[in-house]
N, C-alpha and C. Protein backbone atom coordinates (compact mmCIF):
# COMPACT_ATOMS: atom_id res chain seq x y z
N UNK A 1 0.82 -1.18 0.00
CA UNK A 1 0.00 0.00 0.00
C UNK A 1 0.88 1.26 0.00
N UNK A 2 1.89 1.27 0.85
CA UNK A 2 2.77 2.43 0.95
C UNK A 2 3.53 2.66 -0.36
N UNK A 3 3.89 1.56 -1.02
CA UNK A 3 4.61 1.65 -2.28
C UNK A 3 3.75 2.31 -3.37
N UNK A 4 2.46 1.96 -3.41
CA UNK A 4 1.55 2.56 -4.37
C UNK A 4 1.37 4.05 -4.11
N UNK A 5 1.28 4.43 -2.86
CA UNK A 5 1.13 5.84 -2.51
C UNK A 5 2.34 6.63 -2.95
N UNK A 6 3.52 6.09 -2.68
CA UNK A 6 4.75 6.75 -3.07
C UNK A 6 4.85 6.87 -4.59
N UNK A 7 4.50 5.80 -5.28
CA UNK A 7 4.54 5.80 -6.73
C UNK A 7 3.51 6.80 -7.29
N UNK A 8 2.33 6.85 -6.69
CA UNK A 8 1.28 7.79 -7.10
C UNK A 8 1.71 9.22 -6.89
N UNK A 9 2.36 9.48 -5.75
CA UNK A 9 2.85 10.84 -5.48
C UNK A 9 3.94 11.23 -6.47
N UNK A 10 4.82 10.28 -6.77
CA UNK A 10 5.88 10.56 -7.73
C UNK A 10 5.32 10.86 -9.12
N UNK A 11 4.33 10.07 -9.51
CA UNK A 11 3.70 10.28 -10.82
C UNK A 11 2.96 11.62 -10.85
N UNK A 12 2.25 11.94 -9.79
CA UNK A 12 1.54 13.22 -9.72
C UNK A 12 2.51 14.39 -9.76
N UNK A 13 3.64 14.26 -9.06
CA UNK A 13 4.64 15.33 -9.06
C UNK A 13 5.24 15.50 -10.45
N UNK A 14 5.53 14.40 -11.10
CA UNK A 14 6.10 14.46 -12.45
C UNK A 14 5.11 15.08 -13.43
N UNK A 15 3.85 14.70 -13.33
CA UNK A 15 2.82 15.25 -14.20
C UNK A 15 2.65 16.74 -13.96
N UNK A 16 2.63 17.15 -12.71
CA UNK A 16 2.49 18.58 -12.38
C UNK A 16 3.67 19.38 -12.91
N UNK A 17 4.87 18.84 -12.76
CA UNK A 17 6.06 19.54 -13.26
C UNK A 17 6.00 19.66 -14.77
N UNK A 18 5.55 18.62 -15.45
CA UNK A 18 5.44 18.67 -16.90
C UNK A 18 4.45 19.72 -17.37
N UNK A 19 3.33 19.81 -16.66
CA UNK A 19 2.32 20.82 -17.02
C UNK A 19 2.86 22.22 -16.80
N UNK A 20 3.53 22.42 -15.69
CA UNK A 20 4.09 23.74 -15.40
C UNK A 20 5.17 24.12 -16.41
N UNK A 21 6.03 23.18 -16.74
CA UNK A 21 7.10 23.47 -17.70
C UNK A 21 6.55 23.70 -19.10
N UNK A 22 5.49 22.99 -19.47
CA UNK A 22 4.93 23.21 -20.79
C UNK A 22 4.27 24.57 -20.88
N UNK A 23 3.75 25.07 -19.79
CA UNK A 23 3.15 26.41 -19.80
C UNK A 23 4.23 27.48 -19.96
N UNK A 24 5.44 27.20 -19.51
CA UNK A 24 6.53 28.16 -19.63
C UNK A 24 7.19 28.14 -20.99
N UNK A 25 7.10 27.04 -21.70
CA UNK A 25 7.79 26.91 -22.97
C UNK A 25 7.02 27.54 -24.11
N UNK A 26 7.66 27.63 -25.24
CA UNK A 26 7.01 28.17 -26.42
C UNK A 26 6.44 27.04 -27.25
N UNK A 27 5.44 27.37 -28.00
CA UNK A 27 4.80 26.45 -28.91
C UNK A 27 5.67 26.35 -30.17
N UNK A 28 6.00 25.15 -30.59
CA UNK A 28 6.89 24.96 -31.74
C UNK A 28 6.32 25.58 -33.01
N UNK A 29 5.00 25.50 -33.18
CA UNK A 29 4.39 26.11 -34.37
C UNK A 29 4.44 27.63 -34.29
N UNK A 30 4.28 28.19 -33.11
CA UNK A 30 4.37 29.65 -32.95
C UNK A 30 5.79 30.12 -33.25
N UNK A 31 6.77 29.36 -32.80
CA UNK A 31 8.17 29.71 -33.08
C UNK A 31 8.43 29.64 -34.58
N UNK A 32 7.93 28.59 -35.24
CA UNK A 32 8.12 28.47 -36.69
C UNK A 32 7.43 29.62 -37.42
N UNK A 33 6.23 29.98 -36.98
CA UNK A 33 5.51 31.10 -37.61
C UNK A 33 6.30 32.39 -37.43
N UNK A 34 6.83 32.59 -36.24
CA UNK A 34 7.57 33.82 -35.98
C UNK A 34 8.87 33.89 -36.77
N UNK A 35 9.48 32.77 -37.03
CA UNK A 35 10.67 32.78 -37.87
C UNK A 35 10.31 33.24 -39.28
N UNK A 36 9.15 32.80 -39.78
CA UNK A 36 8.68 33.26 -41.08
C UNK A 36 8.32 34.74 -41.04
N UNK A 37 7.70 35.16 -39.94
CA UNK A 37 7.33 36.57 -39.76
C UNK A 37 8.58 37.44 -39.76
N UNK A 38 9.61 37.00 -39.06
CA UNK A 38 10.85 37.78 -39.00
C UNK A 38 11.46 37.95 -40.39
N UNK A 39 11.40 36.90 -41.20
CA UNK A 39 11.90 37.01 -42.58
C UNK A 39 11.06 38.02 -43.35
N UNK A 40 9.74 37.94 -43.19
CA UNK A 40 8.85 38.87 -43.88
C UNK A 40 9.11 40.31 -43.45
N UNK A 41 9.32 40.52 -42.17
CA UNK A 41 9.59 41.88 -41.67
C UNK A 41 10.92 42.39 -42.23
N UNK A 42 11.90 41.52 -42.30
CA UNK A 42 13.19 41.90 -42.86
C UNK A 42 13.04 42.30 -44.33
N UNK A 43 12.27 41.52 -45.07
CA UNK A 43 12.00 41.84 -46.47
C UNK A 43 11.25 43.17 -46.59
N UNK A 44 10.30 43.38 -45.69
CA UNK A 44 9.53 44.63 -45.70
C UNK A 44 10.44 45.82 -45.40
N UNK A 45 11.27 45.68 -44.36
CA UNK A 45 12.19 46.77 -44.01
C UNK A 45 13.12 47.10 -45.18
N UNK A 46 13.59 46.06 -45.86
CA UNK A 46 14.44 46.26 -47.03
C UNK A 46 13.67 46.97 -48.15
N UNK A 47 12.43 46.58 -48.36
CA UNK A 47 11.61 47.20 -49.40
C UNK A 47 11.38 48.68 -49.12
N UNK A 48 11.28 49.03 -47.85
CA UNK A 48 11.01 50.42 -47.50
C UNK A 48 12.21 51.34 -47.76
N UNK A 49 13.36 50.76 -48.03
CA UNK A 49 14.53 51.58 -48.37
C UNK A 49 14.58 51.88 -49.87
N UNK A 50 13.65 51.27 -50.62
CA UNK A 50 13.61 51.44 -52.07
C UNK A 50 12.44 52.35 -52.45
N UNK A 51 12.35 52.68 -53.71
CA UNK A 51 11.25 53.50 -54.19
C UNK A 51 10.65 52.89 -55.45
N UNK A 52 9.47 53.37 -55.79
CA UNK A 52 8.81 52.97 -57.03
C UNK A 52 8.49 51.50 -57.13
N UNK A 53 8.67 50.94 -58.32
CA UNK A 53 8.32 49.54 -58.56
C UNK A 53 9.13 48.57 -57.69
N UNK A 54 10.37 48.91 -57.40
CA UNK A 54 11.19 48.03 -56.55
C UNK A 54 10.59 47.93 -55.15
N UNK A 55 10.07 49.03 -54.65
CA UNK A 55 9.45 49.02 -53.33
C UNK A 55 8.18 48.17 -53.36
N UNK A 56 7.35 48.36 -54.37
CA UNK A 56 6.10 47.59 -54.48
C UNK A 56 6.39 46.09 -54.59
N UNK A 57 7.40 45.75 -55.38
CA UNK A 57 7.77 44.34 -55.53
C UNK A 57 8.28 43.77 -54.21
N UNK A 58 9.07 44.56 -53.49
CA UNK A 58 9.59 44.12 -52.20
C UNK A 58 8.49 43.91 -51.17
N UNK A 59 7.52 44.81 -51.16
CA UNK A 59 6.39 44.67 -50.23
C UNK A 59 5.56 43.44 -50.59
N UNK A 60 5.34 43.22 -51.88
CA UNK A 60 4.60 42.03 -52.31
C UNK A 60 5.33 40.75 -51.90
N UNK A 61 6.66 40.76 -52.03
CA UNK A 61 7.45 39.60 -51.62
C UNK A 61 7.33 39.39 -50.10
N UNK A 62 7.37 40.46 -49.33
CA UNK A 62 7.23 40.37 -47.87
C UNK A 62 5.85 39.84 -47.49
N UNK A 63 4.81 40.31 -48.17
CA UNK A 63 3.46 39.81 -47.89
C UNK A 63 3.33 38.33 -48.23
N UNK A 64 3.96 37.93 -49.31
CA UNK A 64 3.95 36.52 -49.70
C UNK A 64 4.64 35.67 -48.63
N UNK A 65 5.75 36.16 -48.12
CA UNK A 65 6.47 35.45 -47.05
C UNK A 65 5.61 35.38 -45.79
N UNK A 66 4.91 36.45 -45.51
CA UNK A 66 4.06 36.49 -44.32
C UNK A 66 2.93 35.47 -44.42
N UNK A 67 2.40 35.28 -45.61
CA UNK A 67 1.33 34.29 -45.81
C UNK A 67 1.81 32.88 -45.49
N UNK A 68 3.09 32.63 -45.69
CA UNK A 68 3.65 31.31 -45.37
C UNK A 68 3.58 31.02 -43.87
N UNK A 69 3.55 32.06 -43.08
CA UNK A 69 3.50 31.90 -41.63
C UNK A 69 2.10 31.50 -41.14
N UNK A 70 1.09 31.69 -41.97
CA UNK A 70 -0.30 31.41 -41.55
C UNK A 70 -0.52 29.96 -41.14
N UNK A 71 0.07 29.03 -41.86
CA UNK A 71 -0.14 27.61 -41.54
C UNK A 71 0.35 27.30 -40.12
N UNK A 72 1.56 27.73 -39.82
CA UNK A 72 2.10 27.47 -38.48
C UNK A 72 1.35 28.27 -37.42
N UNK A 73 0.95 29.49 -37.75
CA UNK A 73 0.19 30.30 -36.78
C UNK A 73 -1.15 29.64 -36.48
N UNK A 74 -1.79 29.09 -37.49
CA UNK A 74 -3.05 28.38 -37.28
C UNK A 74 -2.87 27.14 -36.42
N UNK A 75 -1.80 26.40 -36.67
CA UNK A 75 -1.52 25.21 -35.87
C UNK A 75 -1.21 25.59 -34.42
N UNK A 76 -0.50 26.69 -34.24
CA UNK A 76 -0.18 27.16 -32.88
C UNK A 76 -1.46 27.54 -32.14
N UNK A 77 -2.37 28.21 -32.83
CA UNK A 77 -3.64 28.60 -32.22
C UNK A 77 -4.47 27.37 -31.88
N UNK A 78 -4.44 26.36 -32.74
CA UNK A 78 -5.19 25.13 -32.46
C UNK A 78 -4.68 24.44 -31.21
N UNK A 79 -3.36 24.50 -31.00
CA UNK A 79 -2.77 23.86 -29.83
C UNK A 79 -2.96 24.69 -28.56
N UNK A 80 -2.94 26.01 -28.71
CA UNK A 80 -3.06 26.89 -27.55
C UNK A 80 -3.65 28.22 -28.01
N UNK A 81 -4.84 28.53 -27.55
CA UNK A 81 -5.55 29.73 -27.96
C UNK A 81 -4.84 31.03 -27.68
N UNK A 82 -3.81 30.99 -26.85
CA UNK A 82 -3.07 32.21 -26.53
C UNK A 82 -2.39 32.79 -27.78
N UNK A 83 -2.18 31.95 -28.79
CA UNK A 83 -1.51 32.40 -30.02
C UNK A 83 -2.50 32.91 -31.07
N UNK A 84 -3.77 33.05 -30.70
CA UNK A 84 -4.78 33.54 -31.63
C UNK A 84 -4.45 34.94 -32.13
N UNK A 85 -3.91 35.77 -31.27
CA UNK A 85 -3.59 37.14 -31.69
C UNK A 85 -2.52 37.15 -32.79
N UNK A 86 -1.58 36.23 -32.72
CA UNK A 86 -0.56 36.13 -33.77
C UNK A 86 -1.22 35.77 -35.10
N UNK A 87 -2.06 34.76 -35.09
CA UNK A 87 -2.74 34.34 -36.31
C UNK A 87 -3.62 35.46 -36.86
N UNK A 88 -4.34 36.14 -35.98
CA UNK A 88 -5.22 37.22 -36.42
C UNK A 88 -4.42 38.37 -37.02
N UNK A 89 -3.33 38.74 -36.39
CA UNK A 89 -2.51 39.84 -36.90
C UNK A 89 -1.93 39.50 -38.27
N UNK A 90 -1.47 38.27 -38.43
CA UNK A 90 -0.94 37.86 -39.73
C UNK A 90 -2.04 37.92 -40.79
N UNK A 91 -3.22 37.41 -40.45
CA UNK A 91 -4.30 37.39 -41.44
C UNK A 91 -4.79 38.80 -41.78
N UNK A 92 -4.72 39.72 -40.84
CA UNK A 92 -5.16 41.10 -41.10
C UNK A 92 -4.19 41.86 -42.00
N UNK A 93 -2.98 41.38 -42.14
CA UNK A 93 -1.99 42.11 -42.94
C UNK A 93 -2.43 42.28 -44.38
N UNK A 94 -3.16 41.32 -44.92
CA UNK A 94 -3.61 41.45 -46.31
C UNK A 94 -4.73 42.48 -46.43
N UNK A 95 -5.45 42.71 -45.35
CA UNK A 95 -6.56 43.66 -45.38
C UNK A 95 -6.11 45.09 -45.08
N UNK A 96 -5.25 45.26 -44.11
CA UNK A 96 -4.88 46.61 -43.67
C UNK A 96 -3.48 47.03 -44.11
N UNK A 97 -2.74 46.14 -44.71
CA UNK A 97 -1.40 46.47 -45.17
C UNK A 97 -0.34 46.17 -44.13
N UNK A 98 0.83 45.85 -44.61
CA UNK A 98 1.91 45.45 -43.71
C UNK A 98 2.36 46.57 -42.79
N UNK A 99 2.37 47.80 -43.28
CA UNK A 99 2.87 48.88 -42.43
C UNK A 99 2.05 49.02 -41.15
N UNK A 100 0.79 48.58 -41.19
CA UNK A 100 -0.07 48.68 -40.01
C UNK A 100 0.09 47.51 -39.05
N UNK A 101 0.64 46.41 -39.50
CA UNK A 101 0.76 45.24 -38.63
C UNK A 101 2.20 44.93 -38.23
N UNK A 102 3.17 45.49 -38.93
CA UNK A 102 4.57 45.17 -38.62
C UNK A 102 4.93 45.46 -37.16
N UNK A 103 4.57 46.62 -36.59
CA UNK A 103 4.94 46.85 -35.18
C UNK A 103 4.36 45.80 -34.24
N UNK A 104 3.11 45.41 -34.47
CA UNK A 104 2.48 44.41 -33.62
C UNK A 104 3.12 43.04 -33.81
N UNK A 105 3.36 42.66 -35.06
CA UNK A 105 4.01 41.36 -35.32
C UNK A 105 5.41 41.32 -34.73
N UNK A 106 6.12 42.42 -34.86
CA UNK A 106 7.47 42.49 -34.30
C UNK A 106 7.43 42.25 -32.78
N UNK A 107 6.51 42.93 -32.10
CA UNK A 107 6.40 42.78 -30.64
C UNK A 107 5.97 41.37 -30.25
N UNK A 108 4.97 40.83 -30.94
CA UNK A 108 4.49 39.49 -30.61
C UNK A 108 5.59 38.45 -30.81
N UNK A 109 6.28 38.53 -31.93
CA UNK A 109 7.30 37.52 -32.22
C UNK A 109 8.54 37.70 -31.36
N UNK A 110 8.86 38.92 -30.99
CA UNK A 110 9.97 39.12 -30.05
C UNK A 110 9.68 38.39 -28.76
N UNK A 111 8.43 38.46 -28.31
CA UNK A 111 8.05 37.79 -27.06
C UNK A 111 8.03 36.27 -27.23
N UNK A 112 7.52 35.80 -28.35
CA UNK A 112 7.45 34.35 -28.57
C UNK A 112 8.84 33.75 -28.73
N UNK A 113 9.71 34.44 -29.45
CA UNK A 113 11.06 33.91 -29.68
C UNK A 113 11.97 34.10 -28.47
N UNK A 114 11.67 35.07 -27.62
CA UNK A 114 12.46 35.30 -26.41
C UNK A 114 11.49 35.69 -25.29
N UNK A 115 10.81 34.68 -24.67
CA UNK A 115 9.77 34.97 -23.69
C UNK A 115 10.26 35.70 -22.45
N UNK A 116 11.55 35.64 -22.15
CA UNK A 116 12.09 36.34 -20.99
C UNK A 116 13.32 37.12 -21.42
N UNK A 117 13.12 38.32 -21.96
CA UNK A 117 14.26 39.08 -22.48
C UNK A 117 15.23 39.55 -21.41
N UNK A 118 14.82 39.46 -20.14
CA UNK A 118 15.70 39.92 -19.06
C UNK A 118 16.55 38.82 -18.47
N UNK A 119 16.33 37.60 -18.92
CA UNK A 119 17.12 36.48 -18.42
C UNK A 119 18.54 36.60 -18.95
N UNK A 120 19.53 36.22 -18.14
CA UNK A 120 20.92 36.28 -18.62
C UNK A 120 21.12 35.32 -19.78
N UNK A 121 21.90 35.74 -20.76
CA UNK A 121 22.17 34.95 -21.94
C UNK A 121 23.40 34.09 -21.74
N UNK A 122 23.25 32.80 -21.87
CA UNK A 122 24.35 31.84 -21.88
C UNK A 122 25.54 32.12 -20.97
N UNK A 123 26.45 31.17 -20.91
CA UNK A 123 27.64 31.35 -20.06
C UNK A 123 28.66 32.28 -20.65
């Protein structure tokens, strides 16, 4: 009887620790989406240094890259609703334009890719 209790407590402790640690970690799909978003933002920033047709082509390329992030953003939202804002912001980019969503996407992905920016970096 005592052995079962000890084993049950150990299993409950392990399960609780796993739940707590998973809440602290990032969603792999959200991270993948943000990597695509970062590429799109980089392309957008580059396009904004150009003028005329080159700028329009660069923005179109950035929007195309951003659309690639939708699949992972949708999967992240399906796994955890907390990522719904990322998916919504990405999807709104085609309606309101990238210049209106880039600041929000930048902030969201900075947090997803580095959830604790104040933590000391490596040894």
